[in-house]
Amino acid sequence: MVREVDLEVREGELVSLVGANGAGKSTLLKAISGLIRPSVGEVRFDGRRLNDLAPSKIVAMGLAQVPERRQIFGQLTVRDNLVLGAYSVRRRLDRGELEARLEHMQDLFPALRVKLSEEASRLSGGQQQMLAIARGLMSRPRLLLLDEPSLGLAPVLVQQIFEVLARLRNQGTTLLLVEQNARMSLEIADRGYVMEAGRIVLEGTGAELAGSEEVAARYLGMPGVDAGSDPDAAASELVLRLRAFLS
């Protein structure tokens, strides 16, 4: 059960949501995406209430999710998976724009460039995760939700994924990241929230949470370290506001 959650993501931010397994992080993302609905409270995106909208309508508004465990279409080619990521905006794209987006995904994830014609199921785990993120980006979302993008990956691939997320943030993509690798997610986050037993129990800048002795002891496996302060944590425009009680 998720309850008494008050969370916001502002335009241009990377916000990290950390916590143990079963804390309610994935449930929260599903509520934002419209896959489940709050019994009380509301989810707002750019001022508009999302509670009663179908997931397809929410995607069309500019909010996309990269699900846990990739969930790519294994029997389709890598290219077809990417094209499906732009399905919600396809009518607004001419062929040139679609090809430009495909090219941009290959620039972000060079490993996909030589795999476009292969079935997605034949990719390695790391390549499948890259494909899942690229598919989510194909609609050019105003807010991208990512659910455990490092799950099951080797450390070198985890590093690559986080480098891409930092690059996306620096390019202005707004991100809400759910991630068990608390240390790495807080290192690249503008702000963060800690979730326990369905509630938000701590919030602050990424640097503040990374430097918190409480967070370090529970999630980082080390004593607290002074990570300094982040004077640029404040962002310009409210993109997502969530006050939700889920059952």
Protein backbone atom coordinates (compact mmCIF):
# COMPACT_ATOMS: atom_id res chain seq x y z
CA MET A 1 0.00 0.00 0.00
CA VAL A 2 1.19 3.49 -0.89
CA ARG A 3 -0.17 6.35 1.17
CA GLU A 4 0.47 9.93 2.18
CA VAL A 5 2.82 10.49 -0.75
CA ASP A 6 3.65 14.08 -1.67
CA LEU A 7 6.16 14.31 -4.51
CA GLU A 8 7.02 16.73 -7.28
CA VAL A 9 9.26 16.82 -10.32
CA ARG A 10 10.14 20.15 -11.90
CA GLU A 11 11.02 20.82 -15.48
CA GLY A 12 14.62 19.97 -16.33
CA GLU A 13 15.27 18.02 -13.14
CA LEU A 14 16.45 14.49 -12.57
CA VAL A 15 14.66 13.32 -9.43
CA SER A 16 15.67 10.03 -7.83
CA LEU A 17 13.30 7.87 -5.78
CA VAL A 18 15.16 5.32 -3.66
CA GLY A 19 14.10 2.72 -1.14
CA ALA A 20 14.14 -0.98 -0.37
CA ASN A 21 12.24 -3.63 -2.29
CA GLY A 22 8.53 -3.43 -1.54
CA ALA A 23 8.64 0.23 -0.52
CA GLY A 24 6.08 1.16 -3.18
CA LYS A 25 8.32 2.82 -5.76
CA SER A 26 7.06 0.93 -8.80
CA THR A 27 3.46 1.28 -7.62
CA LEU A 28 3.97 5.02 -7.53
CA LEU A 29 5.21 5.07 -11.13
CA LYS A 30 2.23 3.01 -12.24
CA ALA A 31 -0.09 5.55 -10.61
CA ILE A 32 1.59 8.39 -12.47
CA SER A 33 1.38 6.50 -15.77
CA GLY A 34 -2.30 5.64 -15.34
CA LEU A 35 -1.75 1.88 -15.01
CA ILE A 36 -3.38 2.02 -11.57
CA ARG A 37 -5.50 4.77 -10.08
CA PRO A 38 -5.27 6.45 -6.69
CA SER A 39 -8.25 5.75 -4.45
CA VAL A 40 -7.73 9.18 -2.85
CA GLY A 41 -5.66 12.16 -3.92
CA GLU A 42 -4.51 13.20 -7.36
CA VAL A 43 -1.72 13.17 -9.89
CA ARG A 44 -1.14 16.37 -11.87
CA PHE A 45 1.08 16.91 -14.86
CA ASP A 46 1.69 20.47 -15.98
CA GLY A 47 -1.42 21.49 -14.06
CA ARG A 48 -3.72 18.87 -15.57
CA ARG A 49 -5.26 16.10 -13.47
CA LEU A 50 -4.30 12.63 -14.72
CA ASN A 51 -6.35 10.40 -12.42
CA ASP A 52 -9.10 9.56 -14.91
CA LEU A 53 -7.02 9.46 -18.10
CA ALA A 54 -6.09 6.30 -19.98
CA PRO A 55 -2.36 5.52 -20.19
CA SER A 56 -2.40 6.25 -23.94
CA LYS A 57 -3.73 9.76 -23.27
CA ILE A 58 -1.06 10.33 -20.65
CA VAL A 59 1.67 9.29 -23.09
CA ALA A 60 0.22 11.65 -25.70
CA MET A 61 0.53 14.49 -23.17
CA GLY A 62 4.28 13.90 -23.01
CA LEU A 63 4.78 11.46 -20.15
CA ALA A 64 6.43 8.10 -20.91
CA GLN A 65 7.62 5.21 -18.76
CA VAL A 66 10.48 2.76 -19.19
CA PRO A 67 9.19 -0.27 -17.28
CA GLU A 68 11.08 -2.55 -14.94
CA ARG A 69 12.70 -5.56 -16.64
CA ARG A 70 12.64 -3.82 -20.06
CA GLN A 71 9.48 -5.44 -21.50
CA ILE A 72 10.61 -4.99 -25.07
CA PHE A 73 8.90 -6.74 -27.98
CA GLY A 74 11.30 -9.63 -28.42
CA GLN A 75 10.01 -10.94 -31.75
CA LEU A 76 10.18 -7.53 -33.40
CA THR A 77 13.34 -5.95 -34.70
CA VAL A 78 15.20 -3.28 -32.79
CA ARG A 79 14.05 -0.71 -35.35
CA ASP A 80 10.41 -1.76 -35.01
CA ASN A 81 10.64 -1.46 -31.23
CA LEU A 82 11.96 2.07 -31.62
CA VAL A 83 9.28 3.04 -34.14
CA LEU A 84 6.60 1.78 -31.75
CA GLY A 85 7.98 4.14 -29.15
CA ALA A 86 6.85 7.02 -31.35
CA TYR A 87 3.38 5.53 -31.94
CA SER A 88 1.54 8.12 -29.85
CA VAL A 89 2.98 10.98 -31.92
CA ARG A 90 3.35 9.18 -35.26
CA ARG A 91 0.62 11.19 -36.97
CA ARG A 92 2.55 14.37 -36.28
CA LEU A 93 5.83 13.03 -37.68
CA ASP A 94 6.90 13.01 -41.29
CA ARG A 95 9.35 10.36 -42.41
CA GLY A 96 12.29 12.73 -42.08
CA GLU A 97 11.53 13.50 -38.44
CA LEU A 98 11.05 9.82 -37.63
CA GLU A 99 14.41 8.98 -39.18
CA ALA A 100 16.02 11.85 -37.29
CA ARG A 101 14.73 10.45 -34.01
CA LEU A 102 15.97 6.99 -34.89
CA GLU A 103 19.39 8.44 -35.68
CA HIS A 104 19.45 10.31 -32.37
CA MET A 105 18.73 7.07 -30.47
CA GLN A 106 21.64 5.41 -32.25
CA ASP A 107 23.88 8.31 -31.27
CA LEU A 108 22.83 7.92 -27.63
CA PHE A 109 23.24 4.14 -27.74
CA PRO A 110 25.87 3.26 -30.38
CA ALA A 111 25.52 -0.45 -29.57
CA LEU A 112 22.06 -0.40 -31.19
CA ARG A 113 23.28 1.01 -34.50
CA VAL A 114 24.47 -2.34 -35.88
CA LYS A 115 21.49 -4.21 -34.37
CA LEU A 116 18.57 -2.40 -36.01
CA SER A 117 17.51 -5.33 -38.17
CA GLU A 118 17.96 -8.00 -35.47
CA GLU A 119 15.18 -9.40 -33.32
CA ALA A 120 15.21 -7.62 -29.99
CA SER A 121 15.22 -10.93 -28.10
CA ARG A 122 18.74 -11.61 -29.43
CA LEU A 123 20.22 -8.54 -27.74
CA SER A 124 22.23 -8.82 -24.55
CA GLY A 125 20.61 -7.70 -21.31
CA GLY A 126 22.42 -4.38 -21.41
CA GLN A 127 21.45 -3.78 -25.03
CA GLN A 128 17.83 -4.59 -24.23
CA GLN A 129 17.87 -2.00 -21.46
CA MET A 130 19.33 0.55 -23.86
CA LEU A 131 16.56 -0.31 -26.31
CA ALA A 132 13.88 0.11 -23.63
CA ILE A 133 15.18 3.57 -22.73
CA ALA A 134 15.53 4.56 -26.40
CA ARG A 135 11.99 3.37 -27.10
CA GLY A 136 10.72 5.56 -24.26
CA LEU A 137 12.59 8.55 -25.68
CA MET A 138 11.20 8.17 -29.19
CA SER A 139 8.05 10.10 -28.31
CA ARG A 140 10.23 13.00 -27.06
CA PRO A 141 8.54 12.94 -23.63
CA ARG A 142 8.45 16.00 -21.43
CA LEU A 143 8.85 13.64 -18.49
CA LEU A 144 10.46 10.20 -18.63
CA LEU A 145 9.85 7.71 -15.81
CA LEU A 146 12.46 4.97 -15.39
CA ASP A 147 11.86 1.90 -13.24
CA GLU A 148 15.08 0.16 -12.12
CA PRO A 149 17.11 0.67 -15.32
CA SER A 150 20.21 -0.96 -13.79
CA LEU A 151 18.43 -4.13 -12.64
CA GLY A 152 20.36 -7.28 -13.49
CA LEU A 153 23.15 -5.52 -15.39
CA ALA A 154 26.90 -5.96 -15.02
CA PRO A 155 28.67 -3.02 -13.33
CA VAL A 156 30.25 -1.75 -16.57
CA LEU A 157 26.80 -1.62 -18.21
CA VAL A 158 25.29 0.06 -15.16
CA GLN A 159 27.91 2.78 -15.51
CA GLN A 160 27.01 3.24 -19.19
CA ILE A 161 23.30 3.53 -18.40
CA PHE A 162 23.90 6.15 -15.72
CA GLU A 163 26.18 8.11 -18.03
CA VAL A 164 23.35 8.26 -20.57
CA LEU A 165 20.86 9.38 -17.89
CA ALA A 166 23.21 12.16 -16.79
CA ARG A 167 23.64 13.19 -20.42
CA LEU A 168 19.86 13.29 -20.92
CA ARG A 169 19.47 15.45 -17.81
CA ASN A 170 22.16 17.81 -19.06
CA GLN A 171 20.31 18.06 -22.38
CA GLY A 172 17.15 19.16 -20.57
CA THR A 173 15.15 15.93 -20.39
CA THR A 174 13.07 15.75 -17.20
CA LEU A 175 13.51 12.41 -15.43
CA LEU A 176 11.99 10.58 -12.49
CA LEU A 177 14.27 7.67 -11.67
CA VAL A 178 13.32 4.72 -9.46
CA GLU A 179 16.49 2.86 -8.63
CA GLN A 180 17.84 0.49 -5.96
CA ASN A 181 21.40 1.64 -6.69
CA ALA A 182 20.95 4.56 -4.34
CA ARG A 183 24.53 5.81 -4.47
CA MET A 184 24.71 6.20 -8.24
CA SER A 185 21.19 7.56 -8.61
CA LEU A 186 21.71 10.24 -5.96
CA GLU A 187 25.07 11.21 -7.47
CA ILE A 188 23.35 12.32 -10.70
CA ALA A 189 20.09 13.58 -9.14
CA ASP A 190 19.13 17.20 -8.65
CA ARG A 191 16.76 16.12 -5.88
CA GLY A 192 15.71 12.86 -4.30
CA TYR A 193 13.12 11.15 -2.14
CA VAL A 194 13.49 8.15 0.15
CA MET A 195 10.49 5.83 0.36
CA GLU A 196 9.73 3.33 3.11
CA ALA A 197 6.62 1.19 3.61
CA GLY A 198 4.62 3.21 1.09
CA ARG A 199 5.54 6.63 2.48
CA ILE A 200 8.06 9.34 1.63
CA VAL A 201 10.25 9.58 4.72
CA LEU A 202 13.07 11.86 3.53
CA GLU A 203 13.62 14.37 0.74
CA GLY A 204 16.35 16.77 -0.29
CA THR A 205 18.90 17.49 -2.97
CA GLY A 206 20.82 14.53 -4.31
CA ALA A 207 23.91 15.80 -2.53
CA GLU A 208 22.07 16.22 0.79
CA LEU A 209 20.65 12.70 0.71
CA ALA A 210 23.95 11.18 -0.41
CA GLY A 211 25.60 12.94 2.54
CA SER A 212 22.94 11.91 5.06
CA GLU A 213 24.18 9.45 7.67
CA GLU A 214 20.71 7.91 7.86
CA VAL A 215 20.50 7.35 4.10
CA ALA A 216 24.09 6.14 3.96
CA ALA A 217 23.53 3.60 6.74
CA ARG A 218 20.31 2.24 5.24
CA TYR A 219 20.89 2.41 1.50
CA LEU A 220 24.51 3.18 0.68
CA GLY A 221 26.16 0.68 2.98
CA MET A 222 28.65 3.20 4.34
CA PRO A 223 28.90 6.04 6.89
CA GLY A 224 27.55 9.39 5.81
CA VAL A 225 29.88 11.56 3.78
CA ASP A 226 29.56 15.29 3.34
CA ALA A 227 28.66 15.57 -0.34
CA GLY A 228 28.31 19.32 -0.21
CA SER A 229 25.32 21.37 -1.24
CA ASP A 230 23.65 21.92 -4.56
CA PRO A 231 22.83 25.62 -5.09
CA ASP A 232 21.23 24.88 -8.48
CA ALA A 233 18.67 22.35 -7.25
CA ALA A 234 15.70 24.72 -7.69
CA ALA A 235 14.12 24.47 -11.15
CA SER A 236 11.88 26.74 -13.11
CA GLU A 237 8.51 25.12 -13.76
CA LEU A 238 6.42 22.54 -11.95
CA VAL A 239 5.92 19.54 -14.24
CA LEU A 240 4.53 16.85 -11.98
CA ARG A 241 2.74 17.08 -8.68
CA LEU A 242 1.57 13.98 -6.86
CA ARG A 243 -0.50 13.67 -3.73
CA ALA A 244 -1.74 10.13 -3.68
CA PHE A 245 -3.16 7.48 -1.42
CA LEU A 246 -3.10 4.12 -3.17
CA SER A 247 -4.47 0.79 -2.09
